[in-house]
Amino acid sequence: MRQCLLALPFLLASPAAAQVQLLEAGIVCPRTTKGELIEAPDTEVGAIRLIEGGVVFDLNARTVPTMSNLSFGFRIGLKESAPAQDVTIVVTHPPMGDRGVTRQSWGKSLLPGEAGLSIFTFEYDYEKVPGPWTFGVEIEGETAIEVPFQVTEEGGRGPVEAACFRFMS
């Protein structure tokens, strides 16, 4: 019976969800990012920035300190044989801002063989909300990928400072 129960989630996954894969996740050291702002009404500020290429994860950690301009998130893609797919990126977190927002989402089109980056950057103090955060991918309301992070006020600073500020002194 145990084997049947373990196999059940795989049998229930839609064919589209099975084509999306997590490529990497982690933390991006503070840096200036450029990119066009586009409308995203289901986010706290109503927009997201389409970041220009070249962003790499500096740490694959899941404990994220609340440091200004620190970013974290994931890179996803489609399996090579999959057709193009529209997905919804979902970020959940403790209540944030005046409205107490706990879920932010926006659409993304994935193309086979191309990676899609989704990160959150602590630009403002009100965004630095400690607690559990998740980055997820939904297809037609079904969760295809979910990656947990723990945002902390102090925890995780050592590895982040070592990776991000090693050349400064």
N, C-alpha and C. Protein backbone atom coordinates (compact mmCIF):
# COMPACT_ATOMS: atom_id res chain seq x y z
N MET A 1 0.82 -1.19 0.00
CA MET A 1 0.00 0.00 0.00
C MET A 1 0.87 1.26 0.00
N ARG A 2 1.97 1.23 0.73
CA ARG A 2 2.84 2.41 0.80
C ARG A 2 3.33 2.79 -0.59
N GLN A 3 3.74 1.83 -1.40
CA GLN A 3 4.22 2.15 -2.74
C GLN A 3 3.13 2.79 -3.59
N CYS A 4 1.91 2.34 -3.44
CA CYS A 4 0.80 2.92 -4.20
C CYS A 4 0.58 4.37 -3.80
N LEU A 5 0.64 4.66 -2.51
CA LEU A 5 0.43 6.03 -2.05
C LEU A 5 1.55 6.95 -2.49
N LEU A 6 2.77 6.46 -2.51
CA LEU A 6 3.89 7.29 -2.95
C LEU A 6 3.81 7.58 -4.44
N ALA A 7 3.29 6.68 -5.21
CA ALA A 7 3.19 6.88 -6.65
C ALA A 7 2.02 7.78 -7.03
N LEU A 8 1.04 7.91 -6.16
CA LEU A 8 -0.17 8.66 -6.48
C LEU A 8 0.09 10.10 -6.91
N PRO A 9 0.93 10.89 -6.24
CA PRO A 9 1.14 12.26 -6.70
C PRO A 9 1.67 12.34 -8.13
N PHE A 10 2.48 11.39 -8.53
CA PHE A 10 3.02 11.41 -9.89
C PHE A 10 1.92 11.09 -10.91
N LEU A 11 1.00 10.23 -10.53
CA LEU A 11 -0.09 9.89 -11.43
C LEU A 11 -1.07 11.05 -11.58
N LEU A 12 -1.19 11.88 -10.54
CA LEU A 12 -2.14 12.99 -10.57
C LEU A 12 -1.58 14.22 -11.27
N ALA A 13 -0.28 14.33 -11.43
CA ALA A 13 0.31 15.50 -12.07
C ALA A 13 -0.11 15.57 -13.53
N SER A 14 -0.46 16.78 -13.96
CA SER A 14 -0.86 16.94 -15.36
C SER A 14 0.35 16.78 -16.25
N PRO A 15 0.14 16.43 -17.52
CA PRO A 15 1.26 16.32 -18.45
C PRO A 15 2.05 17.64 -18.55
N ALA A 16 1.35 18.77 -18.53
CA ALA A 16 2.04 20.07 -18.62
C ALA A 16 2.92 20.29 -17.40
N ALA A 17 2.41 19.98 -16.20
CA ALA A 17 3.19 20.18 -14.98
C ALA A 17 4.44 19.31 -14.97
N ALA A 18 4.33 18.12 -15.54
CA ALA A 18 5.48 17.21 -15.58
C ALA A 18 6.58 17.71 -16.50
N GLN A 19 6.29 18.67 -17.37
CA GLN A 19 7.28 19.19 -18.32
C GLN A 19 8.11 20.33 -17.74
N VAL A 20 7.66 20.93 -16.63
CA VAL A 20 8.38 22.05 -16.01
C VAL A 20 9.37 21.49 -15.01
N GLN A 21 10.59 22.03 -15.01
CA GLN A 21 11.60 21.53 -14.09
C GLN A 21 12.32 22.67 -13.38
N LEU A 22 12.69 22.41 -12.13
CA LEU A 22 13.49 23.35 -11.36
C LEU A 22 14.94 23.17 -11.79
N LEU A 23 15.57 24.26 -12.23
CA LEU A 23 16.97 24.19 -12.66
C LEU A 23 17.92 24.55 -11.52
N GLU A 24 17.57 25.58 -10.76
CA GLU A 24 18.37 25.96 -9.60
C GLU A 24 17.59 26.95 -8.76
N ALA A 25 18.02 27.11 -7.51
CA ALA A 25 17.39 28.06 -6.60
C ALA A 25 18.43 28.54 -5.62
N GLY A 26 18.23 29.73 -5.09
CA GLY A 26 19.17 30.23 -4.10
C GLY A 26 19.14 31.73 -3.94
N ILE A 27 20.31 32.28 -3.61
CA ILE A 27 20.46 33.69 -3.25
C ILE A 27 21.38 34.38 -4.25
N VAL A 28 21.00 35.61 -4.60
CA VAL A 28 21.80 36.46 -5.48
C VAL A 28 22.32 37.62 -4.63
N CYS A 29 23.62 37.83 -4.63
CA CYS A 29 24.23 38.91 -3.86
C CYS A 29 23.68 40.27 -4.30
N PRO A 30 23.68 41.24 -3.38
CA PRO A 30 23.19 42.58 -3.73
C PRO A 30 23.94 43.15 -4.93
N ARG A 31 23.18 43.66 -5.88
CA ARG A 31 23.75 44.31 -7.06
C ARG A 31 22.66 45.13 -7.72
N THR A 32 23.07 46.03 -8.56
CA THR A 32 22.11 46.83 -9.31
C THR A 32 21.60 45.99 -10.47
N THR A 33 20.29 45.93 -10.61
CA THR A 33 19.71 45.20 -11.73
C THR A 33 18.94 46.18 -12.61
N LYS A 34 19.00 45.92 -13.89
CA LYS A 34 18.28 46.75 -14.85
C LYS A 34 17.23 45.91 -15.52
N GLY A 35 16.20 46.58 -15.98
CA GLY A 35 15.16 45.88 -16.72
C GLY A 35 13.88 46.68 -16.73
N GLU A 36 13.05 46.34 -17.66
CA GLU A 36 11.78 47.02 -17.86
C GLU A 36 10.77 46.63 -16.77
N LEU A 37 10.03 47.61 -16.27
CA LEU A 37 8.92 47.33 -15.36
C LEU A 37 7.69 46.99 -16.19
N ILE A 38 7.05 45.88 -15.83
CA ILE A 38 5.81 45.52 -16.51
C ILE A 38 4.70 45.34 -15.47
N GLU A 39 3.49 45.54 -15.91
CA GLU A 39 2.34 45.44 -15.03
C GLU A 39 2.18 44.02 -14.51
N ALA A 40 1.94 43.92 -13.21
CA ALA A 40 1.67 42.63 -12.56
C ALA A 40 0.70 42.91 -11.42
N PRO A 41 -0.59 43.01 -11.73
CA PRO A 41 -1.57 43.46 -10.74
C PRO A 41 -1.69 42.58 -9.49
N ASP A 42 -1.25 41.33 -9.56
CA ASP A 42 -1.36 40.45 -8.40
C ASP A 42 -0.08 40.44 -7.56
N THR A 43 0.66 41.56 -7.60
CA THR A 43 1.83 41.74 -6.74
C THR A 43 1.58 42.92 -5.82
N GLU A 44 2.38 43.04 -4.78
CA GLU A 44 2.19 44.09 -3.78
C GLU A 44 2.29 45.48 -4.39
N VAL A 45 3.21 45.70 -5.32
CA VAL A 45 3.38 47.03 -5.93
C VAL A 45 2.71 47.14 -7.30
N GLY A 46 2.17 46.05 -7.82
CA GLY A 46 1.47 46.08 -9.09
C GLY A 46 2.35 45.97 -10.32
N ALA A 47 3.63 45.65 -10.12
CA ALA A 47 4.55 45.52 -11.26
C ALA A 47 5.71 44.61 -10.88
N ILE A 48 6.36 44.07 -11.91
CA ILE A 48 7.61 43.33 -11.72
C ILE A 48 8.63 43.88 -12.71
N ARG A 49 9.88 43.64 -12.42
CA ARG A 49 10.96 44.08 -13.31
C ARG A 49 11.45 42.87 -14.11
N LEU A 50 11.46 42.99 -15.43
CA LEU A 50 12.03 41.95 -16.28
C LEU A 50 13.54 42.18 -16.30
N ILE A 51 14.24 41.40 -15.51
CA ILE A 51 15.68 41.60 -15.32
C ILE A 51 16.44 41.13 -16.55
N GLU A 52 17.39 41.95 -16.95
CA GLU A 52 18.24 41.60 -18.08
C GLU A 52 19.11 40.41 -17.70
N GLY A 53 19.54 39.63 -18.68
CA GLY A 53 20.28 38.39 -18.48
C GLY A 53 21.56 38.53 -17.69
N GLY A 54 22.13 37.39 -17.37
CA GLY A 54 23.41 37.35 -16.69
C GLY A 54 23.36 37.19 -15.19
N VAL A 55 22.17 37.10 -14.60
CA VAL A 55 22.06 36.95 -13.16
C VAL A 55 22.36 35.49 -12.79
N VAL A 56 23.28 35.31 -11.84
CA VAL A 56 23.63 33.97 -11.37
C VAL A 56 23.36 33.89 -9.87
N PHE A 57 23.09 32.69 -9.40
CA PHE A 57 22.92 32.48 -7.97
C PHE A 57 24.30 32.37 -7.34
N ASP A 58 24.53 33.17 -6.31
CA ASP A 58 25.81 33.17 -5.62
C ASP A 58 25.88 32.10 -4.53
N LEU A 59 24.74 31.71 -3.99
CA LEU A 59 24.65 30.65 -2.98
C LEU A 59 23.41 29.82 -3.29
N ASN A 60 23.48 28.53 -3.02
CA ASN A 60 22.29 27.71 -3.19
C ASN A 60 21.55 27.53 -1.87
N ALA A 61 21.74 28.46 -0.94
CA ALA A 61 21.13 28.40 0.39
C ALA A 61 19.64 28.71 0.34
N ARG A 62 18.92 28.25 1.36
CA ARG A 62 17.50 28.53 1.48
C ARG A 62 17.20 29.39 2.70
N THR A 63 18.22 29.72 3.51
CA THR A 63 18.05 30.65 4.62
C THR A 63 18.51 32.01 4.14
N VAL A 64 17.58 32.97 4.14
CA VAL A 64 17.81 34.27 3.51
C VAL A 64 17.73 35.38 4.56
N PRO A 65 18.85 36.07 4.82
CA PRO A 65 18.79 37.19 5.76
C PRO A 65 18.14 38.42 5.12
N THR A 66 17.52 39.25 5.93
CA THR A 66 16.85 40.45 5.42
C THR A 66 17.86 41.56 5.20
N MET A 67 18.62 41.44 4.13
CA MET A 67 19.65 42.42 3.78
C MET A 67 19.18 43.24 2.57
N SER A 68 19.42 44.53 2.61
CA SER A 68 19.02 45.40 1.51
C SER A 68 19.61 44.93 0.18
N ASN A 69 18.77 44.91 -0.83
CA ASN A 69 19.12 44.55 -2.21
C ASN A 69 19.54 43.10 -2.41
N LEU A 70 19.38 42.27 -1.40
CA LEU A 70 19.63 40.83 -1.55
C LEU A 70 18.43 40.23 -2.29
N SER A 71 18.71 39.33 -3.21
CA SER A 71 17.64 38.68 -3.99
C SER A 71 17.68 37.18 -3.75
N PHE A 72 16.54 36.53 -3.94
CA PHE A 72 16.47 35.08 -3.84
C PHE A 72 15.30 34.59 -4.67
N GLY A 73 15.39 33.34 -5.09
CA GLY A 73 14.34 32.78 -5.92
C GLY A 73 14.80 31.55 -6.65
N PHE A 74 14.29 31.37 -7.89
CA PHE A 74 14.63 30.17 -8.63
C PHE A 74 14.71 30.41 -10.13
N ARG A 75 15.29 29.43 -10.81
CA ARG A 75 15.36 29.40 -12.27
C ARG A 75 14.67 28.10 -12.69
N ILE A 76 13.73 28.21 -13.60
CA ILE A 76 12.97 27.06 -14.06
C ILE A 76 13.09 26.94 -15.58
N GLY A 77 12.70 25.80 -16.07
CA GLY A 77 12.72 25.60 -17.52
C GLY A 77 11.79 24.46 -17.90
N LEU A 78 11.67 24.27 -19.18
CA LEU A 78 10.89 23.16 -19.72
C LEU A 78 11.84 22.07 -20.19
N LYS A 79 11.37 20.86 -20.14
CA LYS A 79 12.14 19.78 -20.75
C LYS A 79 12.24 20.07 -22.24
N GLU A 80 13.33 19.64 -22.85
CA GLU A 80 13.60 19.94 -24.27
C GLU A 80 12.46 19.57 -25.20
N SER A 81 11.79 18.48 -24.94
CA SER A 81 10.73 18.01 -25.84
C SER A 81 9.37 18.66 -25.59
N ALA A 82 9.28 19.50 -24.56
CA ALA A 82 7.99 20.09 -24.19
C ALA A 82 7.61 21.26 -25.09
N PRO A 83 6.33 21.47 -25.30
CA PRO A 83 5.89 22.65 -26.05
C PRO A 83 5.97 23.90 -25.15
N ALA A 84 5.92 25.07 -25.75
CA ALA A 84 5.89 26.32 -24.97
C ALA A 84 4.75 26.24 -23.96
N GLN A 85 4.94 26.87 -22.80
CA GLN A 85 3.96 26.74 -21.73
C GLN A 85 3.82 28.06 -20.98
N ASP A 86 2.59 28.53 -20.79
CA ASP A 86 2.32 29.67 -19.93
C ASP A 86 2.14 29.16 -18.51
N VAL A 87 2.83 29.78 -17.56
CA VAL A 87 2.75 29.38 -16.16
C VAL A 87 2.48 30.61 -15.31
N THR A 88 2.14 30.37 -14.06
CA THR A 88 2.00 31.44 -13.08
C THR A 88 3.06 31.24 -12.02
N ILE A 89 3.86 32.27 -11.79
CA ILE A 89 4.85 32.25 -10.71
C ILE A 89 4.13 32.76 -9.46
N VAL A 90 4.27 32.04 -8.36
CA VAL A 90 3.59 32.41 -7.12
C VAL A 90 4.63 32.50 -6.00
N VAL A 91 4.62 33.63 -5.29
CA VAL A 91 5.48 33.81 -4.13
C VAL A 91 4.57 34.02 -2.93
N THR A 92 4.72 33.18 -1.90
CA THR A 92 3.95 33.36 -0.67
C THR A 92 4.91 33.72 0.45
N HIS A 93 4.40 34.49 1.41
CA HIS A 93 5.23 34.99 2.51
C HIS A 93 4.33 35.51 3.62
N PRO A 94 4.89 35.81 4.79
CA PRO A 94 4.09 36.42 5.86
C PRO A 94 3.54 37.78 5.39
N PRO A 95 2.53 38.31 6.08
CA PRO A 95 1.92 39.58 5.67
C PRO A 95 2.94 40.69 5.47
N MET A 96 2.76 41.41 4.34
CA MET A 96 3.70 42.46 3.93
C MET A 96 2.93 43.71 3.53
N GLY A 97 3.48 44.86 3.88
CA GLY A 97 2.91 46.13 3.44
C GLY A 97 1.64 46.50 4.18
N ASP A 98 1.09 47.65 3.80
CA ASP A 98 -0.11 48.18 4.46
C ASP A 98 -1.32 47.26 4.29
N ARG A 99 -1.39 46.54 3.18
CA ARG A 99 -2.53 45.66 2.92
C ARG A 99 -2.33 44.25 3.46
N GLY A 100 -1.17 43.97 4.02
CA GLY A 100 -0.92 42.63 4.56
C GLY A 100 -0.90 41.55 3.51
N VAL A 101 -0.34 41.84 2.34
CA VAL A 101 -0.29 40.89 1.23
C VAL A 101 0.52 39.65 1.63
N THR A 102 -0.01 38.46 1.32
CA THR A 102 0.69 37.21 1.63
C THR A 102 0.97 36.36 0.39
N ARG A 103 0.40 36.75 -0.74
CA ARG A 103 0.59 35.99 -1.99
C ARG A 103 0.75 36.98 -3.14
N GLN A 104 1.80 36.76 -3.92
CA GLN A 104 2.03 37.58 -5.10
C GLN A 104 2.21 36.64 -6.28
N SER A 105 1.68 37.03 -7.43
CA SER A 105 1.80 36.14 -8.60
C SER A 105 1.84 36.96 -9.88
N TRP A 106 2.41 36.33 -10.90
CA TRP A 106 2.49 36.94 -12.23
C TRP A 106 2.67 35.83 -13.26
N GLY A 107 2.30 36.13 -14.48
CA GLY A 107 2.41 35.16 -15.56
C GLY A 107 3.79 35.16 -16.19
N LYS A 108 4.16 34.02 -16.72
CA LYS A 108 5.45 33.87 -17.41
C LYS A 108 5.27 32.84 -18.52
N SER A 109 5.86 33.11 -19.66
CA SER A 109 5.85 32.16 -20.77
C SER A 109 7.19 31.45 -20.81
N LEU A 110 7.14 30.14 -20.80
CA LEU A 110 8.36 29.34 -20.87
C LEU A 110 8.50 28.74 -22.26
N LEU A 111 9.71 28.78 -22.78
CA LEU A 111 10.01 28.19 -24.08
C LEU A 111 10.99 27.03 -23.89
N PRO A 112 10.85 25.96 -24.65
CA PRO A 112 11.76 24.82 -24.51
C PRO A 112 13.22 25.26 -24.68
N GLY A 113 14.07 24.75 -23.81
CA GLY A 113 15.50 25.04 -23.91
C GLY A 113 15.92 26.38 -23.33
N GLU A 114 14.97 27.20 -22.87
CA GLU A 114 15.31 28.49 -22.27
C GLU A 114 14.97 28.46 -20.79
N ALA A 115 15.79 29.11 -19.98
CA ALA A 115 15.56 29.18 -18.54
C ALA A 115 14.82 30.46 -18.20
N GLY A 116 13.96 30.37 -17.20
CA GLY A 116 13.22 31.53 -16.71
C GLY A 116 13.60 31.82 -15.28
N LEU A 117 14.09 33.04 -15.02
CA LEU A 117 14.51 33.45 -13.68
C LEU A 117 13.39 34.20 -12.99
N SER A 118 13.11 33.86 -11.74
CA SER A 118 12.16 34.59 -10.91
C SER A 118 12.80 34.80 -9.56
N ILE A 119 13.03 36.07 -9.21
CA ILE A 119 13.64 36.39 -7.92
C ILE A 119 12.87 37.52 -7.25
N PHE A 120 13.03 37.60 -5.93
CA PHE A 120 12.49 38.70 -5.14
C PHE A 120 13.68 39.43 -4.55
N THR A 121 13.66 40.75 -4.62
CA THR A 121 14.75 41.57 -4.10
C THR A 121 14.23 42.45 -2.98
N PHE A 122 14.94 42.47 -1.85
CA PHE A 122 14.56 43.35 -0.74
C PHE A 122 14.98 44.78 -1.07
N GLU A 123 14.08 45.53 -1.69
CA GLU A 123 14.37 46.91 -2.06
C GLU A 123 13.92 47.89 -0.97
N TYR A 124 12.87 47.55 -0.24
CA TYR A 124 12.30 48.45 0.76
C TYR A 124 12.22 47.72 2.10
N ASP A 125 12.29 48.48 3.19
CA ASP A 125 12.26 47.87 4.52
C ASP A 125 10.99 47.06 4.78
N TYR A 126 9.83 47.54 4.29
CA TYR A 126 8.59 46.81 4.57
C TYR A 126 8.56 45.43 3.90
N GLU A 127 9.44 45.19 2.93
CA GLU A 127 9.50 43.89 2.26
C GLU A 127 10.28 42.85 3.07
N LYS A 128 11.07 43.30 4.00
CA LYS A 128 11.95 42.41 4.77
C LYS A 128 11.17 41.71 5.88
N VAL A 129 10.32 40.77 5.48
CA VAL A 129 9.42 40.08 6.39
C VAL A 129 9.98 38.70 6.72
N PRO A 130 10.42 38.49 7.98
CA PRO A 130 10.94 37.18 8.35
C PRO A 130 9.82 36.13 8.38
N GLY A 131 10.22 34.90 8.12
CA GLY A 131 9.29 33.79 8.17
C GLY A 131 9.41 32.92 6.93
N PRO A 132 8.49 31.97 6.79
CA PRO A 132 8.54 31.07 5.63
C PRO A 132 8.07 31.76 4.35
N TRP A 133 8.83 31.61 3.30
CA TRP A 133 8.50 32.10 1.96
C TRP A 133 8.55 30.90 1.03
N THR A 134 7.73 30.90 0.00
CA THR A 134 7.84 29.87 -1.03
C THR A 134 7.76 30.52 -2.41
N PHE A 135 8.50 29.94 -3.33
CA PHE A 135 8.42 30.29 -4.75
C PHE A 135 7.82 29.07 -5.42
N GLY A 136 6.80 29.28 -6.23
CA GLY A 136 6.16 28.16 -6.88
C GLY A 136 5.80 28.45 -8.32
N VAL A 137 5.49 27.38 -9.01
CA VAL A 137 5.01 27.45 -10.39
C VAL A 137 3.66 26.75 -10.41
N GLU A 138 2.66 27.44 -10.96
CA GLU A 138 1.34 26.85 -11.14
C GLU A 138 1.01 26.80 -12.63
N ILE A 139 0.36 25.73 -13.01
CA ILE A 139 -0.16 25.59 -14.37
C ILE A 139 -1.64 25.27 -14.23
N GLU A 140 -2.47 26.17 -14.74
CA GLU A 140 -3.92 26.02 -14.65
C GLU A 140 -4.36 25.75 -13.22
N GLY A 141 -3.77 26.47 -12.26
CA GLY A 141 -4.15 26.36 -10.86
C GLY A 141 -3.52 25.20 -10.11
N GLU A 142 -2.77 24.37 -10.78
CA GLU A 142 -2.12 23.21 -10.16
C GLU A 142 -0.66 23.52 -9.88
N THR A 143 -0.19 23.22 -8.68
CA THR A 143 1.20 23.45 -8.33
C THR A 143 2.09 22.43 -9.02
N ALA A 144 3.06 22.94 -9.79
CA ALA A 144 4.01 22.07 -10.49
C ALA A 144 5.34 22.01 -9.76
N ILE A 145 5.74 23.14 -9.16
CA ILE A 145 7.01 23.24 -8.43
C ILE A 145 6.78 24.14 -7.23
N GLU A 146 7.41 23.82 -6.11
CA GLU A 146 7.38 24.68 -4.94
C GLU A 146 8.72 24.59 -4.23
N VAL A 147 9.33 25.75 -3.98
CA VAL A 147 10.64 25.80 -3.32
C VAL A 147 10.52 26.66 -2.06
N PRO A 148 10.79 26.07 -0.88
CA PRO A 148 10.70 26.84 0.36
C PRO A 148 11.98 27.60 0.68
N PHE A 149 11.82 28.77 1.28
CA PHE A 149 12.92 29.56 1.82
C PHE A 149 12.53 29.99 3.22
N GLN A 150 13.52 30.26 4.07
CA GLN A 150 13.27 30.81 5.39
C GLN A 150 13.97 32.16 5.46
N VAL A 151 13.19 33.23 5.56
CA VAL A 151 13.75 34.57 5.66
C VAL A 151 13.92 34.88 7.14
N THR A 152 15.12 35.34 7.51
CA THR A 152 15.44 35.60 8.91
C THR A 152 16.05 36.99 9.07
N GLU A 153 15.93 37.54 10.27
CA GLU A 153 16.54 38.84 10.53
C GLU A 153 18.05 38.70 10.69
N GLU A 154 18.50 37.62 11.28
CA GLU A 154 19.94 37.46 11.53
C GLU A 154 20.52 36.18 10.94
N GLY A 155 19.77 35.09 10.98
CA GLY A 155 20.28 33.81 10.50
C GLY A 155 20.71 33.85 9.05
N GLY A 156 21.78 33.14 8.73
CA GLY A 156 22.25 33.04 7.36
C GLY A 156 23.14 34.18 6.91
N ARG A 157 23.36 35.17 7.76
CA ARG A 157 24.20 36.31 7.36
C ARG A 157 25.64 35.90 7.09
N GLY A 158 26.18 34.99 7.90
CA GLY A 158 27.58 34.59 7.74
C GLY A 158 27.89 34.09 6.34
N PRO A 159 27.18 33.06 5.86
CA PRO A 159 27.45 32.56 4.51
C PRO A 159 27.20 33.61 3.43
N VAL A 160 26.16 34.42 3.60
CA VAL A 160 25.86 35.45 2.60
C VAL A 160 26.96 36.50 2.58
N GLU A 161 27.38 36.96 3.75
CA GLU A 161 28.46 37.95 3.80
C GLU A 161 29.75 37.38 3.25
N ALA A 162 30.03 36.12 3.55
CA ALA A 162 31.26 35.50 3.03
C ALA A 162 31.23 35.42 1.51
N ALA A 163 30.08 35.07 0.95
CA ALA A 163 29.97 34.93 -0.51
C ALA A 163 29.88 36.28 -1.22
N CYS A 164 29.18 37.20 -0.61
CA CYS A 164 28.88 38.46 -1.30
C CYS A 164 29.92 39.56 -1.07
N PHE A 165 30.58 39.52 0.04
CA PHE A 165 31.47 40.64 0.37
C PHE A 165 32.91 40.20 0.56
N ARG A 166 33.28 39.05 0.03
CA ARG A 166 34.63 38.51 0.23
C ARG A 166 35.71 39.38 -0.40
N PHE A 167 35.36 40.18 -1.40
CA PHE A 167 36.37 41.00 -2.06
C PHE A 167 36.44 42.41 -1.48
N MET A 168 35.61 42.68 -0.48
CA MET A 168 35.61 44.01 0.12
C MET A 168 36.31 43.96 1.47
N SER A 169 37.28 44.80 1.67
CA SER A 169 37.93 44.94 2.98
C SER A 169 39.09 45.89 2.87
